[in-house]
Amino acid sequence: MRVGDICGRNVVTVREFEELAVAAQLMREHHIGYLVVVEPTVADRMLAPVGVITDRDIVVEVIAPGADPRALRVGDVMTREPVLAQEDSTVSTALQHMRQIGVRRLPVVGSVGQLLGVLSLDDVLDAFAEQLMDVARSIRHELKIEGALRP
């Protein structure tokens, strides 16, 4: 199974010069806790991921130590140079990377580094659950056919 086949394609993005409050508002509006920080590339007219920021980053790095969130930008808090998943990589490879670095999501990029989506553990679970349902349906169907052929 390929990463590009199961990743979410509706990615909410933010720029690193945006106020931190803008990132928090986007998270609230979209009911998410993860934004990909992007920069447009002039040559290719695409968005390239340069970082990620999570609701946890905001809490742990800003709120808990008592910093003033109004004085900070996304670039002050984001994780730079995130690990990326290639669209045509296997899900198994992506899961290995996620496990190694301890994250639940990876930005997914195409062949020239353009942002295409985000792979989350939820996406992986949904895909595996669908495959397991197919296995269960096959078993039930086999039993039904055998029962009809050999009453």
C-alpha atoms as a PDB file:
ATOM      1  CA  MET A   1       0.000   0.000   0.000  1.00  0.00           C
ATOM      2  CA  ARG A   2       1.332   3.431  -0.991  1.00  0.00           C
ATOM      3  CA  VAL A   3       1.289   6.520   1.219  1.00  0.00           C
ATOM      4  CA  GLY A   4      -0.260   8.597  -1.560  1.00  0.00           C
ATOM      5  CA  ASP A   5      -3.218   6.224  -1.776  1.00  0.00           C
ATOM      6  CA  ILE A   6      -4.369   6.739   1.795  1.00  0.00           C
ATOM      7  CA  CYS A   7      -3.105  10.140   2.978  1.00  0.00           C
ATOM      8  CA  GLY A   8      -5.472  13.012   3.637  1.00  0.00           C
ATOM      9  CA  ARG A   9      -5.413  15.561   0.816  1.00  0.00           C
ATOM     10  CA  ASN A  10      -7.175  18.475   2.512  1.00  0.00           C
ATOM     11  CA  VAL A  11      -4.152  19.979   4.219  1.00  0.00           C
ATOM     12  CA  VAL A  12      -4.446  23.142   6.267  1.00  0.00           C
ATOM     13  CA  THR A  13      -1.301  25.206   5.897  1.00  0.00           C
ATOM     14  CA  VAL A  14       0.212  28.301   7.429  1.00  0.00           C
ATOM     15  CA  ARG A  15       3.239  30.482   6.693  1.00  0.00           C
ATOM     16  CA  GLU A  16       6.036  30.883   9.212  1.00  0.00           C
ATOM     17  CA  PHE A  17       5.687  34.688   9.431  1.00  0.00           C
ATOM     18  CA  GLU A  18       2.042  34.404  10.562  1.00  0.00           C
ATOM     19  CA  GLU A  19       1.196  35.265  14.145  1.00  0.00           C
ATOM     20  CA  LEU A  20       0.903  32.252  16.409  1.00  0.00           C
ATOM     21  CA  ALA A  21      -2.709  33.240  17.101  1.00  0.00           C
ATOM     22  CA  VAL A  22      -3.475  32.746  13.391  1.00  0.00           C
ATOM     23  CA  ALA A  23      -2.200  29.160  13.601  1.00  0.00           C
ATOM     24  CA  ALA A  24      -4.265  28.526  16.738  1.00  0.00           C
ATOM     25  CA  GLN A  25      -7.357  29.980  15.067  1.00  0.00           C
ATOM     26  CA  LEU A  26      -6.873  27.769  11.996  1.00  0.00           C
ATOM     27  CA  MET A  27      -6.615  24.736  14.253  1.00  0.00           C
ATOM     28  CA  ARG A  28      -9.810  25.716  16.022  1.00  0.00           C
ATOM     29  CA  GLU A  29     -11.739  26.475  12.815  1.00  0.00           C
ATOM     30  CA  HIS A  30     -10.753  23.185  11.186  1.00  0.00           C
ATOM     31  CA  HIS A  31     -10.894  21.060  14.367  1.00  0.00           C
ATOM     32  CA  ILE A  32      -7.323  19.882  13.922  1.00  0.00           C
ATOM     33  CA  GLY A  33      -4.126  20.012  15.952  1.00  0.00           C
ATOM     34  CA  TYR A  34      -1.558  19.965  13.148  1.00  0.00           C
ATOM     35  CA  LEU A  35      -0.609  22.468  10.459  1.00  0.00           C
ATOM     36  CA  VAL A  36       1.995  22.174   7.751  1.00  0.00           C
ATOM     37  CA  VAL A  37       4.146  25.290   7.455  1.00  0.00           C
ATOM     38  CA  VAL A  38       4.772  26.010   3.786  1.00  0.00           C
ATOM     39  CA  GLU A  39       6.718  28.302   1.509  1.00  0.00           C
ATOM     40  CA  PRO A  40       5.825  28.822  -2.128  1.00  0.00           C
ATOM     41  CA  THR A  41       8.508  28.008  -4.658  1.00  0.00           C
ATOM     42  CA  VAL A  42       8.815  30.590  -7.378  1.00  0.00           C
ATOM     43  CA  ALA A  43      10.057  28.270 -10.108  1.00  0.00           C
ATOM     44  CA  ASP A  44       7.430  25.566  -9.743  1.00  0.00           C
ATOM     45  CA  ARG A  45       4.496  27.577  -8.321  1.00  0.00           C
ATOM     46  CA  MET A  46       3.894  25.008  -5.637  1.00  0.00           C
ATOM     47  CA  LEU A  47       3.900  24.864  -1.868  1.00  0.00           C
ATOM     48  CA  ALA A  48       6.810  23.129  -0.206  1.00  0.00           C
ATOM     49  CA  PRO A  49       6.695  22.097   3.455  1.00  0.00           C
ATOM     50  CA  VAL A  50       9.336  23.777   5.601  1.00  0.00           C
ATOM     51  CA  GLY A  51       7.957  22.834   9.002  1.00  0.00           C
ATOM     52  CA  VAL A  52       5.033  21.665  11.074  1.00  0.00           C
ATOM     53  CA  ILE A  53       3.313  23.056  14.133  1.00  0.00           C
ATOM     54  CA  THR A  54       0.977  21.269  16.514  1.00  0.00           C
ATOM     55  CA  ASP A  55      -1.378  22.310  19.260  1.00  0.00           C
ATOM     56  CA  ARG A  56       0.986  20.497  21.619  1.00  0.00           C
ATOM     57  CA  ASP A  57       3.895  22.684  20.415  1.00  0.00           C
ATOM     58  CA  ILE A  58       1.895  25.765  21.343  1.00  0.00           C
ATOM     59  CA  VAL A  59       0.996  24.428  24.787  1.00  0.00           C
ATOM     60  CA  VAL A  60       4.409  23.002  25.705  1.00  0.00           C
ATOM     61  CA  GLU A  61       6.626  25.681  24.141  1.00  0.00           C
ATOM     62  CA  VAL A  62       4.517  28.796  24.725  1.00  0.00           C
ATOM     63  CA  ILE A  63       1.665  28.498  27.201  1.00  0.00           C
ATOM     64  CA  ALA A  64       3.287  26.250  29.845  1.00  0.00           C
ATOM     65  CA  PRO A  65       6.455  28.364  30.231  1.00  0.00           C
ATOM     66  CA  GLY A  66       4.341  31.540  30.342  1.00  0.00           C
ATOM     67  CA  ALA A  67       5.521  33.124  27.086  1.00  0.00           C
ATOM     68  CA  ASP A  68       3.312  35.733  25.447  1.00  0.00           C
ATOM     69  CA  PRO A  69       1.700  34.035  22.419  1.00  0.00           C
ATOM     70  CA  ARG A  70       0.837  37.441  20.923  1.00  0.00           C
ATOM     71  CA  ALA A  71       4.548  38.210  20.649  1.00  0.00           C
ATOM     72  CA  LEU A  72       5.413  35.059  18.708  1.00  0.00           C
ATOM     73  CA  ARG A  73       5.194  33.909  15.113  1.00  0.00           C
ATOM     74  CA  VAL A  74       4.675  30.407  13.768  1.00  0.00           C
ATOM     75  CA  GLY A  75       8.372  30.279  12.843  1.00  0.00           C
ATOM     76  CA  ASP A  76       9.317  30.769  16.499  1.00  0.00           C
ATOM     77  CA  VAL A  77       7.582  27.565  17.564  1.00  0.00           C
ATOM     78  CA  MET A  78       7.385  25.247  14.545  1.00  0.00           C
ATOM     79  CA  THR A  79       9.477  22.151  13.994  1.00  0.00           C
ATOM     80  CA  ARG A  80      11.758  22.929  11.053  1.00  0.00           C
ATOM     81  CA  GLU A  81      12.719  20.459   8.349  1.00  0.00           C
ATOM     82  CA  PRO A  82      10.126  17.840   9.250  1.00  0.00           C
ATOM     83  CA  VAL A  83      10.492  14.239   8.191  1.00  0.00           C
ATOM     84  CA  LEU A  84       8.502  13.856   4.977  1.00  0.00           C
ATOM     85  CA  ALA A  85       6.839  10.868   3.377  1.00  0.00           C
ATOM     86  CA  GLN A  86       7.154  10.426  -0.365  1.00  0.00           C
ATOM     87  CA  GLU A  87       3.849   9.851  -2.130  1.00  0.00           C
ATOM     88  CA  ASP A  88       5.029   6.560  -3.622  1.00  0.00           C
ATOM     89  CA  SER A  89       6.647   5.234  -0.426  1.00  0.00           C
ATOM     90  CA  THR A  90       5.112   2.247   1.273  1.00  0.00           C
ATOM     91  CA  VAL A  91       2.971   2.745   4.324  1.00  0.00           C
ATOM     92  CA  SER A  92       5.305   0.378   6.156  1.00  0.00           C
ATOM     93  CA  THR A  93       8.274   2.689   5.514  1.00  0.00           C
ATOM     94  CA  ALA A  94       6.288   5.726   6.638  1.00  0.00           C
ATOM     95  CA  LEU A  95       5.220   3.925   9.823  1.00  0.00           C
ATOM     96  CA  GLN A  96       8.861   3.096  10.577  1.00  0.00           C
ATOM     97  CA  HIS A  97       9.785   6.783  10.295  1.00  0.00           C
ATOM     98  CA  MET A  98       6.832   7.818  12.443  1.00  0.00           C
ATOM     99  CA  ARG A  99       7.806   5.317  15.119  1.00  0.00           C
ATOM    100  CA  GLN A 100      11.497   6.324  15.038  1.00  0.00           C
ATOM    101  CA  ILE A 101      10.794  10.021  15.565  1.00  0.00           C
ATOM    102  CA  GLY A 102       7.681   9.618  17.726  1.00  0.00           C
ATOM    103  CA  VAL A 103       5.056  11.401  15.623  1.00  0.00           C
ATOM    104  CA  ARG A 104       1.501  10.631  14.547  1.00  0.00           C
ATOM    105  CA  ARG A 105       1.563  12.515  11.238  1.00  0.00           C
ATOM    106  CA  LEU A 106       3.882  13.149   8.288  1.00  0.00           C
ATOM    107  CA  PRO A 107       3.555  15.642   5.446  1.00  0.00           C
ATOM    108  CA  VAL A 108       3.381  13.821   2.105  1.00  0.00           C
ATOM    109  CA  VAL A 109       5.262  15.225  -0.872  1.00  0.00           C
ATOM    110  CA  GLY A 110       5.447  14.486  -4.571  1.00  0.00           C
ATOM    111  CA  SER A 111       8.435  13.899  -6.787  1.00  0.00           C
ATOM    112  CA  VAL A 112       9.629  17.519  -6.744  1.00  0.00           C
ATOM    113  CA  GLY A 113       8.905  18.191  -3.076  1.00  0.00           C
ATOM    114  CA  GLN A 114       5.447  19.665  -3.495  1.00  0.00           C
ATOM    115  CA  LEU A 115       3.014  19.226  -0.612  1.00  0.00           C
ATOM    116  CA  LEU A 116       0.314  16.703  -1.522  1.00  0.00           C
ATOM    117  CA  GLY A 117      -1.190  15.660   1.785  1.00  0.00           C
ATOM    118  CA  VAL A 118      -0.669  14.471   5.332  1.00  0.00           C
ATOM    119  CA  LEU A 119      -0.433  10.854   6.419  1.00  0.00           C
ATOM    120  CA  SER A 120      -1.827  10.253   9.900  1.00  0.00           C
ATOM    121  CA  LEU A 121      -2.029   7.138  12.010  1.00  0.00           C
ATOM    122  CA  ASP A 122      -5.809   7.488  11.650  1.00  0.00           C
ATOM    123  CA  ASP A 123      -5.436   7.166   7.861  1.00  0.00           C
ATOM    124  CA  VAL A 124      -3.381   4.013   8.324  1.00  0.00           C
ATOM    125  CA  LEU A 125      -5.875   2.504  10.765  1.00  0.00           C
ATOM    126  CA  ASP A 126      -8.766   3.264   8.393  1.00  0.00           C
ATOM    127  CA  ALA A 127      -6.951   1.593   5.489  1.00  0.00           C
ATOM    128  CA  PHE A 128      -6.037  -1.487   7.540  1.00  0.00           C
ATOM    129  CA  ALA A 129      -9.571  -1.731   8.931  1.00  0.00           C
ATOM    130  CA  GLU A 130     -10.949  -1.687   5.388  1.00  0.00           C
ATOM    131  CA  GLN A 131      -8.590  -4.493   4.405  1.00  0.00           C
ATOM    132  CA  LEU A 132      -9.624  -6.522   7.458  1.00  0.00           C
ATOM    133  CA  MET A 133     -13.282  -6.006   6.554  1.00  0.00           C
ATOM    134  CA  ASP A 134     -12.519  -7.370   3.066  1.00  0.00           C
ATOM    135  CA  VAL A 135     -10.945 -10.454   4.638  1.00  0.00           C
ATOM    136  CA  ALA A 136     -13.974 -10.954   6.903  1.00  0.00           C
ATOM    137  CA  ARG A 137     -16.372 -10.552   3.955  1.00  0.00           C
ATOM    138  CA  SER A 138     -14.391 -13.120   1.966  1.00  0.00           C
ATOM    139  CA  ILE A 139     -14.612 -15.637   4.795  1.00  0.00           C
ATOM    140  CA  ARG A 140     -18.360 -15.090   5.241  1.00  0.00           C
ATOM    141  CA  HIS A 141     -18.938 -15.368   1.485  1.00  0.00           C
ATOM    142  CA  GLU A 142     -16.909 -18.577   1.308  1.00  0.00           C
ATOM    143  CA  LEU A 143     -18.989 -20.099   4.090  1.00  0.00           C
ATOM    144  CA  LYS A 144     -22.206 -19.023   2.381  1.00  0.00           C
ATOM    145  CA  ILE A 145     -21.157 -20.579  -0.932  1.00  0.00           C
ATOM    146  CA  GLU A 146     -20.046 -23.803   0.714  1.00  0.00           C
ATOM    147  CA  GLY A 147     -23.352 -24.002   2.586  1.00  0.00           C
ATOM    148  CA  ALA A 148     -25.283 -23.542  -0.643  1.00  0.00           C
ATOM    149  CA  LEU A 149     -23.240 -26.147  -2.521  1.00  0.00           C
ATOM    150  CA  ARG A 150     -23.173 -28.741   0.252  1.00  0.00           C
ATOM    151  CA  PRO A 151     -26.435 -28.571   2.200  1.00  0.00           C
END
